[in-house]
Amino acid sequence: MKEGGQLLFSLVLIFFAFACVWCFCKN
């Protein structure tokens, strides 16, 4: 359960970082 939660948190963090970079490059 803890492993899955850590994986989900990592995935969300990567997605958030990718979204920020994409928005920055878009502008």
Protein backbone atom coordinates (compact mmCIF):
# COMPACT_ATOMS: atom_id res chain seq x y z
CA MET A 1 0.00 0.00 0.00
CA LYS A 2 2.80 2.39 0.96
CA GLU A 3 4.76 1.41 -2.17
CA GLY A 4 1.75 2.11 -4.39
CA GLY A 5 1.12 5.46 -2.70
CA GLN A 6 4.75 6.47 -3.19
CA LEU A 7 4.57 5.49 -6.86
CA LEU A 8 1.35 7.47 -7.34
CA PHE A 9 2.87 10.53 -5.62
CA SER A 10 5.95 10.29 -7.85
CA LEU A 11 3.78 10.01 -10.96
CA VAL A 12 1.72 13.07 -9.96
CA LEU A 13 4.89 15.04 -9.20
CA ILE A 14 6.39 14.19 -12.61
CA PHE A 15 3.11 15.08 -14.36
CA PHE A 16 2.97 18.43 -12.53
CA ALA A 17 6.58 19.22 -13.46
CA PHE A 18 5.92 18.26 -17.11
CA ALA A 19 2.82 20.49 -17.17
CA CYS A 20 4.81 23.45 -15.79
CA VAL A 21 7.58 22.97 -18.38
CA TRP A 22 5.02 22.62 -21.19
CA CYS A 23 3.21 25.82 -20.15
CA PHE A 24 6.54 27.66 -19.83
CA CYS A 25 7.66 26.52 -23.30
CA LYS A 26 4.23 27.35 -24.75
CA ASN A 27 4.64 30.97 -23.65
